[in-house]
N, C-alpha and C. Protein backbone atom coordinates (compact mmCIF):
# COMPACT_ATOMS: atom_id res chain seq x y z
N UNK A 1 66.19 165.89 38.30
CA UNK A 1 66.92 165.00 39.17
C UNK A 1 65.99 164.05 39.88
N UNK A 2 65.03 163.53 39.24
CA UNK A 2 64.10 162.60 39.84
C UNK A 2 64.46 161.16 39.50
N UNK A 3 65.69 160.86 39.20
CA UNK A 3 66.13 159.51 38.87
C UNK A 3 66.08 158.67 40.14
N UNK A 4 65.31 157.54 40.13
CA UNK A 4 65.12 156.72 41.32
C UNK A 4 66.41 156.04 41.78
N UNK A 5 67.33 155.70 40.85
CA UNK A 5 68.57 155.04 41.23
C UNK A 5 69.52 155.97 41.95
N UNK A 6 69.37 157.25 41.71
CA UNK A 6 70.31 158.23 42.24
C UNK A 6 69.72 159.01 43.39
N UNK A 7 68.66 158.53 44.02
CA UNK A 7 67.96 159.31 45.04
C UNK A 7 67.81 158.46 46.29
N UNK A 8 68.00 159.09 47.48
CA UNK A 8 67.82 158.41 48.77
C UNK A 8 66.75 159.13 49.54
N UNK A 9 65.89 158.36 50.25
CA UNK A 9 64.82 158.98 51.01
C UNK A 9 65.37 159.55 52.29
N UNK A 10 64.84 160.68 52.74
CA UNK A 10 65.20 161.30 54.01
C UNK A 10 64.17 160.91 55.03
N UNK A 11 64.34 161.38 56.29
CA UNK A 11 63.39 161.06 57.36
C UNK A 11 61.99 161.57 57.03
N UNK A 12 61.90 162.64 56.29
CA UNK A 12 60.58 163.18 55.99
C UNK A 12 59.98 162.57 54.73
N UNK A 13 60.62 161.53 54.17
CA UNK A 13 60.06 160.89 52.99
C UNK A 13 60.64 161.45 51.71
N UNK A 14 61.43 162.48 51.78
CA UNK A 14 62.05 163.02 50.57
C UNK A 14 63.27 162.20 50.23
N UNK A 15 63.68 162.26 48.99
CA UNK A 15 64.87 161.55 48.55
C UNK A 15 65.98 162.53 48.24
N UNK A 16 67.23 162.12 48.67
CA UNK A 16 68.38 162.97 48.35
C UNK A 16 68.97 162.47 47.03
N UNK A 17 69.20 163.36 46.10
CA UNK A 17 69.74 162.94 44.80
C UNK A 17 71.22 162.56 44.92
N UNK A 18 71.69 161.61 44.09
CA UNK A 18 73.09 161.26 43.97
C UNK A 18 73.57 160.20 44.96
N UNK A 19 72.71 159.62 45.79
CA UNK A 19 73.14 158.63 46.78
C UNK A 19 72.40 157.33 46.51
N UNK A 20 73.16 156.25 46.39
CA UNK A 20 72.55 154.95 46.13
C UNK A 20 71.93 154.41 47.41
N UNK A 21 70.88 153.62 47.25
CA UNK A 21 70.14 153.12 48.40
C UNK A 21 70.94 152.14 49.24
N UNK A 22 71.72 151.29 48.62
CA UNK A 22 72.41 150.24 49.35
C UNK A 22 73.67 150.73 50.06
N UNK A 23 74.18 151.86 49.75
CA UNK A 23 75.37 152.39 50.38
C UNK A 23 74.98 153.45 51.39
N UNK A 24 75.75 153.54 52.48
CA UNK A 24 75.51 154.58 53.46
C UNK A 24 76.22 155.86 53.03
N UNK A 25 75.99 156.88 53.79
CA UNK A 25 76.65 158.16 53.52
C UNK A 25 78.03 158.09 54.12
N UNK A 26 79.07 158.35 53.31
CA UNK A 26 80.44 158.32 53.80
C UNK A 26 80.86 159.73 54.17
N UNK A 27 81.93 159.87 54.95
CA UNK A 27 82.42 161.21 55.27
C UNK A 27 82.78 162.00 54.02
N UNK A 28 83.29 161.33 52.99
CA UNK A 28 83.63 162.04 51.74
C UNK A 28 82.36 162.58 51.09
N UNK A 29 81.29 161.74 51.10
CA UNK A 29 80.00 162.20 50.55
C UNK A 29 79.54 163.45 51.28
N UNK A 30 79.72 163.44 52.57
CA UNK A 30 79.26 164.58 53.35
C UNK A 30 80.07 165.84 53.01
N UNK A 31 81.39 165.66 52.78
CA UNK A 31 82.24 166.82 52.47
C UNK A 31 82.00 167.33 51.05
N UNK A 32 81.75 166.43 50.13
CA UNK A 32 81.64 166.84 48.73
C UNK A 32 80.21 167.12 48.30
N UNK A 33 79.30 166.86 49.13
CA UNK A 33 77.88 167.04 48.76
C UNK A 33 77.57 168.51 48.49
N UNK A 34 76.95 168.78 47.38
CA UNK A 34 76.51 170.14 47.02
C UNK A 34 75.00 170.12 46.89
N UNK A 35 74.38 171.12 47.46
CA UNK A 35 72.92 171.21 47.44
C UNK A 35 72.49 172.33 46.49
N UNK A 36 71.35 172.12 45.93
CA UNK A 36 70.80 173.18 45.05
C UNK A 36 70.32 174.33 45.91
N UNK A 37 70.40 175.47 45.38
CA UNK A 37 69.95 176.65 46.12
C UNK A 37 68.45 176.82 45.95
N UNK A 38 67.83 177.29 47.00
CA UNK A 38 66.39 177.50 46.96
C UNK A 38 66.10 178.78 47.72
N UNK A 39 65.03 179.30 47.47
CA UNK A 39 64.61 180.51 48.17
C UNK A 39 64.32 180.13 49.59
N UNK A 40 64.64 181.01 50.44
CA UNK A 40 64.41 180.86 51.86
C UNK A 40 65.02 179.56 52.38
N UNK A 41 66.18 179.17 51.90
CA UNK A 41 66.87 177.95 52.34
C UNK A 41 67.81 178.27 53.50
N UNK A 42 68.58 177.27 53.88
CA UNK A 42 69.54 177.43 54.98
C UNK A 42 70.76 178.21 54.50
N UNK A 43 71.50 178.74 55.50
CA UNK A 43 72.74 179.44 55.19
C UNK A 43 73.75 178.42 54.70
N UNK A 44 74.27 178.60 53.49
CA UNK A 44 75.16 177.65 52.86
C UNK A 44 76.42 177.41 53.68
N UNK A 45 77.00 178.47 54.19
CA UNK A 45 78.23 178.34 54.96
C UNK A 45 77.98 177.56 56.25
N UNK A 46 76.88 177.84 56.89
CA UNK A 46 76.53 177.14 58.13
C UNK A 46 76.30 175.66 57.87
N UNK A 47 75.61 175.34 56.77
CA UNK A 47 75.37 173.95 56.41
C UNK A 47 76.69 173.26 56.09
N UNK A 48 77.57 173.98 55.35
CA UNK A 48 78.87 173.40 54.98
C UNK A 48 79.71 173.12 56.22
N UNK A 49 79.76 174.07 57.18
CA UNK A 49 80.51 173.87 58.43
C UNK A 49 79.92 172.70 59.20
N UNK A 50 78.59 172.65 59.27
CA UNK A 50 77.94 171.57 60.00
C UNK A 50 78.26 170.21 59.37
N UNK A 51 78.16 170.14 58.05
CA UNK A 51 78.44 168.89 57.35
C UNK A 51 79.91 168.49 57.51
N UNK A 52 80.83 169.48 57.51
CA UNK A 52 82.26 169.19 57.68
C UNK A 52 82.50 168.62 59.08
N UNK A 53 81.91 169.24 60.10
CA UNK A 53 82.06 168.75 61.47
C UNK A 53 81.43 167.37 61.62
N UNK A 54 80.25 167.22 61.01
CA UNK A 54 79.57 165.92 61.06
C UNK A 54 80.41 164.87 60.35
N UNK A 55 81.06 165.25 59.23
CA UNK A 55 81.91 164.31 58.49
C UNK A 55 83.11 163.91 59.34
N UNK A 56 83.72 164.89 60.06
CA UNK A 56 84.86 164.59 60.92
C UNK A 56 84.43 163.63 62.03
N UNK A 57 83.31 163.92 62.68
CA UNK A 57 82.81 163.05 63.75
C UNK A 57 82.45 161.67 63.21
N UNK A 58 81.82 161.68 62.04
CA UNK A 58 81.42 160.42 61.44
C UNK A 58 82.65 159.59 61.07
N UNK A 59 83.67 160.27 60.51
CA UNK A 59 84.91 159.59 60.16
C UNK A 59 85.58 159.03 61.41
N UNK A 60 85.60 159.79 62.51
CA UNK A 60 86.16 159.30 63.78
C UNK A 60 85.38 158.09 64.27
N UNK A 61 84.06 158.19 64.16
CA UNK A 61 83.22 157.07 64.59
C UNK A 61 83.50 155.84 63.74
N UNK A 62 83.66 156.02 62.43
CA UNK A 62 83.98 154.88 61.56
C UNK A 62 85.34 154.29 61.90
N UNK A 63 86.34 155.17 62.15
CA UNK A 63 87.67 154.68 62.54
C UNK A 63 87.59 153.89 63.86
N UNK A 64 86.86 154.48 64.81
CA UNK A 64 86.70 153.81 66.10
C UNK A 64 85.98 152.48 65.92
N UNK A 65 84.98 152.47 65.05
CA UNK A 65 84.24 151.25 64.75
C UNK A 65 85.18 150.21 64.13
N UNK A 66 86.02 150.63 63.17
CA UNK A 66 87.00 149.71 62.57
C UNK A 66 87.99 149.20 63.61
N UNK A 67 88.47 150.13 64.45
CA UNK A 67 89.42 149.74 65.50
C UNK A 67 88.78 148.71 66.43
N UNK A 68 87.51 148.98 66.80
CA UNK A 68 86.81 148.04 67.68
C UNK A 68 86.58 146.70 66.99
N UNK A 69 86.27 146.72 65.68
CA UNK A 69 86.11 145.46 64.94
C UNK A 69 87.42 144.67 64.95
N UNK A 70 88.53 145.39 64.68
CA UNK A 70 89.84 144.72 64.71
C UNK A 70 90.14 144.19 66.12
N UNK A 71 89.79 144.98 67.13
CA UNK A 71 89.99 144.55 68.52
C UNK A 71 89.15 143.30 68.80
N UNK A 72 87.91 143.30 68.29
CA UNK A 72 87.04 142.14 68.46
C UNK A 72 87.66 140.91 67.79
N UNK A 73 88.22 141.10 66.58
CA UNK A 73 88.86 139.99 65.88
C UNK A 73 90.04 139.47 66.70
N UNK A 74 90.86 140.42 67.23
CA UNK A 74 92.01 140.01 68.06
C UNK A 74 91.53 139.29 69.32
N UNK A 75 90.49 139.85 69.95
CA UNK A 75 89.98 139.24 71.18
C UNK A 75 89.39 137.86 70.90
N UNK A 76 88.71 137.72 69.75
CA UNK A 76 88.18 136.40 69.40
C UNK A 76 89.32 135.41 69.17
N UNK A 77 90.39 135.89 68.50
CA UNK A 77 91.55 135.02 68.28
C UNK A 77 92.18 134.64 69.62
N UNK A 78 92.32 135.64 70.51
CA UNK A 78 92.88 135.35 71.84
C UNK A 78 91.97 134.39 72.59
N UNK A 79 90.67 134.62 72.50
CA UNK A 79 89.71 133.75 73.18
C UNK A 79 89.83 132.32 72.66
N UNK A 80 89.97 132.19 71.33
CA UNK A 80 90.15 130.85 70.77
C UNK A 80 91.45 130.21 71.26
N UNK A 81 92.52 131.02 71.34
CA UNK A 81 93.79 130.51 71.86
C UNK A 81 93.62 130.06 73.30
N UNK A 82 92.93 130.90 74.10
CA UNK A 82 92.72 130.55 75.50
C UNK A 82 91.85 129.30 75.62
N UNK A 83 90.86 129.18 74.75
CA UNK A 83 90.02 127.98 74.78
C UNK A 83 90.84 126.75 74.43
N UNK A 84 91.71 126.88 73.40
CA UNK A 84 92.58 125.77 73.04
C UNK A 84 93.54 125.45 74.19
N UNK A 85 94.08 126.51 74.79
CA UNK A 85 94.98 126.32 75.93
C UNK A 85 94.24 125.65 77.08
N UNK A 86 93.01 126.13 77.34
CA UNK A 86 92.20 125.54 78.41
C UNK A 86 91.93 124.07 78.11
N UNK A 87 91.60 123.78 76.85
CA UNK A 87 91.35 122.40 76.46
C UNK A 87 92.61 121.55 76.66
N UNK A 88 93.76 122.12 76.26
CA UNK A 88 95.03 121.42 76.46
C UNK A 88 95.32 121.20 77.93
N UNK A 89 95.07 122.23 78.74
CA UNK A 89 95.31 122.12 80.18
C UNK A 89 94.37 121.08 80.81
N UNK A 90 93.11 121.11 80.37
CA UNK A 90 92.17 120.11 80.89
C UNK A 90 92.64 118.71 80.52
N UNK A 91 93.09 118.56 79.28
CA UNK A 91 93.59 117.26 78.84
C UNK A 91 94.80 116.85 79.66
N UNK A 92 95.71 117.82 79.89
CA UNK A 92 96.90 117.53 80.70
C UNK A 92 96.51 117.18 82.13
N UNK A 93 95.53 117.90 82.68
CA UNK A 93 95.09 117.60 84.05
C UNK A 93 94.47 116.21 84.14
N UNK A 94 93.67 115.87 83.13
CA UNK A 94 93.07 114.54 83.11
C UNK A 94 94.17 113.48 83.02
N UNK A 95 95.16 113.74 82.13
CA UNK A 95 96.27 112.79 82.00
C UNK A 95 97.06 112.71 83.29
N UNK A 96 97.34 113.88 83.90
CA UNK A 96 98.10 113.89 85.15
C UNK A 96 97.33 113.16 86.25
N UNK A 97 96.02 113.36 86.31
CA UNK A 97 95.21 112.67 87.31
C UNK A 97 95.24 111.16 87.07
N UNK A 98 95.16 110.78 85.77
CA UNK A 98 95.21 109.34 85.45
C UNK A 98 96.56 108.77 85.85
N UNK A 99 97.64 109.50 85.54
CA UNK A 99 98.98 109.03 85.92
C UNK A 99 99.09 108.92 87.44
N UNK A 100 98.58 109.96 88.14
CA UNK A 100 98.62 109.94 89.60
C UNK A 100 97.81 108.76 90.15
N UNK A 101 96.63 108.53 89.57
CA UNK A 101 95.80 107.40 90.01
C UNK A 101 96.52 106.07 89.74
N UNK A 102 97.12 105.97 88.54
CA UNK A 102 97.85 104.74 88.20
C UNK A 102 99.02 104.55 89.16
N UNK A 103 99.77 105.65 89.43
CA UNK A 103 100.90 105.55 90.34
C UNK A 103 100.44 105.15 91.74
N UNK A 104 99.33 105.73 92.18
CA UNK A 104 98.78 105.39 93.49
C UNK A 104 98.38 103.92 93.54
N UNK A 105 97.68 103.48 92.48
CA UNK A 105 97.25 102.09 92.43
C UNK A 105 98.46 101.15 92.40
N UNK A 106 99.47 101.52 91.58
CA UNK A 106 100.69 100.71 91.53
C UNK A 106 101.40 100.69 92.87
N UNK A 107 101.44 101.86 93.53
CA UNK A 107 102.10 101.94 94.84
C UNK A 107 101.35 101.07 95.86
N UNK A 108 100.02 101.11 95.82
CA UNK A 108 99.24 100.28 96.75
C UNK A 108 99.48 98.81 96.46
N UNK A 109 99.48 98.45 95.17
CA UNK A 109 99.73 97.05 94.81
C UNK A 109 101.13 96.62 95.23
N UNK A 110 102.11 97.50 94.98
CA UNK A 110 103.49 97.17 95.36
C UNK A 110 103.62 97.06 96.87
N UNK A 111 102.98 97.99 97.60
CA UNK A 111 103.03 97.94 99.07
C UNK A 111 102.36 96.66 99.57
N UNK A 112 101.24 96.30 98.97
CA UNK A 112 100.55 95.07 99.36
C UNK A 112 101.43 93.85 99.07
N UNK A 113 102.07 93.85 97.90
CA UNK A 113 102.95 92.74 97.55
C UNK A 113 104.12 92.65 98.53
N UNK A 114 104.74 93.80 98.83
CA UNK A 114 105.88 93.81 99.76
C UNK A 114 105.44 93.36 101.14
N UNK A 115 104.27 93.85 101.58
CA UNK A 115 103.76 93.46 102.89
C UNK A 115 103.47 91.97 102.95
N UNK A 116 102.83 91.44 101.91
CA UNK A 116 102.54 90.01 101.86
C UNK A 116 103.83 89.20 101.87
N UNK A 117 104.80 89.66 101.07
CA UNK A 117 106.08 88.97 101.01
C UNK A 117 106.79 89.03 102.37
N UNK A 118 106.75 90.20 103.02
CA UNK A 118 107.38 90.35 104.34
C UNK A 118 106.69 89.46 105.37
N UNK A 119 105.35 89.40 105.31
CA UNK A 119 104.62 88.54 106.24
C UNK A 119 104.98 87.08 106.01
N UNK A 120 105.11 86.68 104.72
CA UNK A 120 105.49 85.30 104.41
C UNK A 120 106.88 85.00 104.94
N UNK A 121 107.81 85.94 104.71
CA UNK A 121 109.18 85.75 105.21
C UNK A 121 109.20 85.67 106.73
N UNK A 122 108.42 86.56 107.36
CA UNK A 122 108.38 86.57 108.83
C UNK A 122 107.80 85.25 109.34
N UNK A 123 106.76 84.76 108.69
CA UNK A 123 106.14 83.49 109.11
C UNK A 123 107.13 82.34 108.92
N UNK A 124 107.84 82.34 107.77
CA UNK A 124 108.82 81.30 107.52
C UNK A 124 109.96 81.38 108.54
N UNK A 125 110.43 82.61 108.82
CA UNK A 125 111.49 82.80 109.82
C UNK A 125 111.02 82.33 111.19
N UNK A 126 109.75 82.61 111.51
CA UNK A 126 109.19 82.18 112.80
C UNK A 126 109.14 80.65 112.87
N UNK A 127 108.72 80.03 111.75
CA UNK A 127 108.66 78.57 111.73
C UNK A 127 110.06 77.97 111.89
N UNK A 128 111.04 78.57 111.18
CA UNK A 128 112.42 78.08 111.30
C UNK A 128 112.93 78.26 112.73
N UNK A 129 112.65 79.43 113.31
CA UNK A 129 113.07 79.68 114.68
C UNK A 129 112.42 78.69 115.63
N UNK A 130 111.13 78.40 115.43
CA UNK A 130 110.42 77.45 116.28
C UNK A 130 111.03 76.06 116.15
N UNK A 131 111.36 75.68 114.89
CA UNK A 131 112.00 74.37 114.68
C UNK A 131 113.36 74.33 115.37
N UNK A 132 114.12 75.43 115.28
CA UNK A 132 115.42 75.47 115.96
C UNK A 132 115.25 75.37 117.46
N UNK A 133 114.25 76.10 117.98
CA UNK A 133 113.99 76.04 119.42
C UNK A 133 113.65 74.62 119.84
N UNK A 134 112.77 73.99 119.05
CA UNK A 134 112.37 72.62 119.37
C UNK A 134 113.58 71.69 119.28
N UNK A 135 114.41 71.85 118.22
CA UNK A 135 115.61 71.03 118.09
C UNK A 135 116.58 71.25 119.24
N UNK A 136 116.77 72.52 119.59
CA UNK A 136 117.65 72.84 120.70
C UNK A 136 117.11 72.26 122.00
N UNK A 137 115.78 72.34 122.20
CA UNK A 137 115.18 71.78 123.41
C UNK A 137 115.39 70.27 123.47
N UNK A 138 115.26 69.59 122.31
CA UNK A 138 115.50 68.13 122.27
C UNK A 138 116.96 67.83 122.62
N UNK A 139 117.86 68.67 122.06
CA UNK A 139 119.28 68.48 122.38
C UNK A 139 119.53 68.68 123.88
N UNK A 140 118.91 69.73 124.44
CA UNK A 140 119.06 69.99 125.88
C UNK A 140 118.52 68.81 126.69
N UNK A 141 117.33 68.31 126.29
CA UNK A 141 116.75 67.16 127.00
C UNK A 141 117.66 65.94 126.90
N UNK A 142 118.22 65.71 125.69
CA UNK A 142 119.12 64.58 125.50
C UNK A 142 120.37 64.75 126.35
N UNK A 143 120.91 65.96 126.38
CA UNK A 143 122.09 66.22 127.21
C UNK A 143 121.78 66.04 128.70
N UNK A 144 120.61 66.42 129.13
CA UNK A 144 120.22 66.23 130.53
C UNK A 144 120.15 64.74 130.87
N UNK A 145 119.57 63.98 129.93
CA UNK A 145 119.49 62.52 130.16
C UNK A 145 120.90 61.92 130.23
N UNK A 146 121.77 62.35 129.31
CA UNK A 146 123.15 61.85 129.34
C UNK A 146 123.83 62.25 130.65
N UNK A 147 123.56 63.48 131.08
CA UNK A 147 124.16 63.94 132.35
C UNK A 147 123.70 63.05 133.49
N UNK A 148 122.38 62.74 133.52
CA UNK A 148 121.86 61.88 134.59
C UNK A 148 122.51 60.49 134.52
N UNK A 149 122.65 60.01 133.27
CA UNK A 149 123.29 58.70 133.12
C UNK A 149 124.73 58.73 133.61
N UNK A 150 125.43 59.84 133.20
CA UNK A 150 126.83 59.98 133.63
C UNK A 150 126.89 60.13 135.14
N UNK A 151 125.98 60.95 135.71
CA UNK A 151 125.97 61.13 137.18
C UNK A 151 125.72 59.79 137.88
N UNK A 152 124.74 59.03 137.33
CA UNK A 152 124.42 57.72 137.92
C UNK A 152 125.63 56.79 137.81
N UNK A 153 126.26 56.83 136.63
CA UNK A 153 127.44 55.98 136.42
C UNK A 153 128.57 56.38 137.36
N UNK A 154 128.78 57.71 137.52
CA UNK A 154 129.83 58.20 138.43
C UNK A 154 129.50 57.80 139.86
N UNK A 155 128.21 57.97 140.25
CA UNK A 155 127.80 57.60 141.62
C UNK A 155 128.03 56.11 141.86
N UNK A 156 127.71 55.31 140.82
CA UNK A 156 127.91 53.85 140.96
C UNK A 156 129.41 53.55 141.09
N UNK A 157 130.20 54.27 140.26
CA UNK A 157 131.66 54.06 140.33
C UNK A 157 132.19 54.47 141.68
N UNK A 158 131.71 55.62 142.19
CA UNK A 158 132.13 56.11 143.50
C UNK A 158 131.74 55.10 144.57
N UNK A 159 130.51 54.60 144.48
CA UNK A 159 130.04 53.62 145.47
C UNK A 159 130.89 52.36 145.42
N UNK A 160 131.20 51.93 144.19
CA UNK A 160 132.04 50.74 144.04
C UNK A 160 133.43 50.99 144.60
N UNK A 161 133.96 52.18 144.28
CA UNK A 161 135.30 52.52 144.79
C UNK A 161 135.29 52.61 146.32
N UNK A 162 134.25 53.13 146.93
CA UNK A 162 134.15 53.21 148.40
C UNK A 162 134.12 51.80 149.01
N UNK A 163 133.29 51.00 148.36
CA UNK A 163 133.19 49.62 148.87
C UNK A 163 134.54 48.94 148.77
N UNK A 164 135.19 49.16 147.63
CA UNK A 164 136.51 48.55 147.46
C UNK A 164 137.48 49.12 148.46
N UNK A 165 137.44 50.43 148.67
CA UNK A 165 138.33 51.08 149.64
C UNK A 165 138.05 50.55 151.05
N UNK A 166 136.81 50.41 151.41
CA UNK A 166 136.45 49.88 152.73
C UNK A 166 136.95 48.44 152.89
N UNK A 167 136.76 47.70 151.79
CA UNK A 167 137.22 46.32 151.83
C UNK A 167 138.73 46.26 152.03
N UNK A 168 139.44 47.11 151.26
CA UNK A 168 140.91 47.13 151.36
C UNK A 168 141.30 47.57 152.76
N UNK A 169 140.65 48.52 153.33
CA UNK A 169 140.97 49.01 154.68
C UNK A 169 140.66 47.90 155.72
N UNK A 170 139.54 47.26 155.49
CA UNK A 170 139.20 46.14 156.41
C UNK A 170 140.27 45.05 156.32
N UNK A 171 140.73 44.75 155.14
CA UNK A 171 141.76 43.75 154.94
C UNK A 171 143.05 44.16 155.64
N UNK A 172 143.38 45.42 155.46
CA UNK A 172 144.61 45.92 156.10
C UNK A 172 144.46 45.82 157.61
N UNK A 173 143.35 46.21 158.13
CA UNK A 173 143.13 46.19 159.57
C UNK A 173 143.18 44.75 160.08
N UNK A 174 142.58 43.84 159.36
CA UNK A 174 142.57 42.45 159.79
C UNK A 174 143.98 41.85 159.73
N UNK A 175 144.68 42.24 158.75
CA UNK A 175 146.05 41.73 158.62
C UNK A 175 146.89 42.24 159.77
N UNK A 176 146.65 43.45 160.14
CA UNK A 176 147.41 43.99 161.26
C UNK A 176 146.95 43.33 162.55
N UNK A 177 145.71 43.00 162.61
CA UNK A 177 145.21 42.39 163.83
C UNK A 177 145.43 40.89 163.79
N UNK A 178 145.76 40.37 162.69
CA UNK A 178 146.06 38.97 162.54
C UNK A 178 144.82 38.14 162.30
N UNK A 179 143.85 38.66 161.78
CA UNK A 179 142.63 37.91 161.52
C UNK A 179 142.68 37.32 160.13
N UNK A 180 141.74 36.42 159.86
CA UNK A 180 141.68 35.76 158.55
C UNK A 180 141.24 36.73 157.46
N UNK A 181 141.69 36.43 156.27
CA UNK A 181 141.37 37.28 155.10
C UNK A 181 140.02 36.86 154.56
N UNK A 182 139.14 37.87 154.31
CA UNK A 182 137.81 37.64 153.75
C UNK A 182 137.89 37.96 152.24
N UNK A 183 137.36 37.04 151.43
CA UNK A 183 137.45 37.33 149.99
C UNK A 183 136.70 38.63 149.63
N UNK A 184 137.19 39.22 148.62
CA UNK A 184 136.68 40.54 148.20
C UNK A 184 135.36 40.41 147.47
N UNK A 185 134.36 41.15 147.98
CA UNK A 185 133.05 41.23 147.34
C UNK A 185 132.62 42.70 147.35
N UNK A 186 132.86 43.34 146.28
CA UNK A 186 132.49 44.76 146.26
C UNK A 186 130.98 44.95 146.35
N UNK A 187 130.62 46.01 146.94
CA UNK A 187 129.20 46.36 147.11
C UNK A 187 128.80 47.28 145.97
N UNK A 188 127.88 46.84 145.16
CA UNK A 188 127.46 47.63 143.97
C UNK A 188 126.11 48.27 144.27
N UNK A 189 126.03 49.55 143.98
CA UNK A 189 124.76 50.28 144.17
C UNK A 189 124.11 50.41 142.81
N UNK A 190 122.89 49.98 142.74
CA UNK A 190 122.15 50.11 141.46
C UNK A 190 121.27 51.33 141.53
N UNK A 191 121.34 52.13 140.49
CA UNK A 191 120.50 53.34 140.47
C UNK A 191 119.22 53.08 139.71
N UNK A 192 118.22 53.85 140.07
CA UNK A 192 116.92 53.65 139.45
C UNK A 192 116.77 54.46 138.20
């Protein structure tokens, strides 16, 4: 049994027959392995029990290793999903921030436009009000002048009427007293 293809080296440099170098020892190999008998060797039953227990533990370790590999694959897939989700969320946040910035900029521009328009309207309304005030003041001044003219005219008429009344009374008195009649000359008051 010195075939090099069918022999594996042990820790002490010896080779175990029947095991290929590139493959590890499987739990089945451990259960089915038969050793040659030698003088002063180990107890066969004890070795068989040990190998069976080692095979069970090894098989559990392999199952756990497979389970952990599958778990790693699932976790990597989840991690990739989370990374994609994170990338999507970052993209959404960037878009949302851009939209918010655009909305803010538009709101500022709109507020500025409205404010400028309101200021223009207020200025125009103020100018119109000032023109109305000035027009009304001119009308008031014109009415005051007309009032003075009318007052002056009324005063002149009153003065003329008084003079005429005095003249008429003087005429009546003279007629009663028998005096001569004086021609009528009304007294006119000129206003300044």
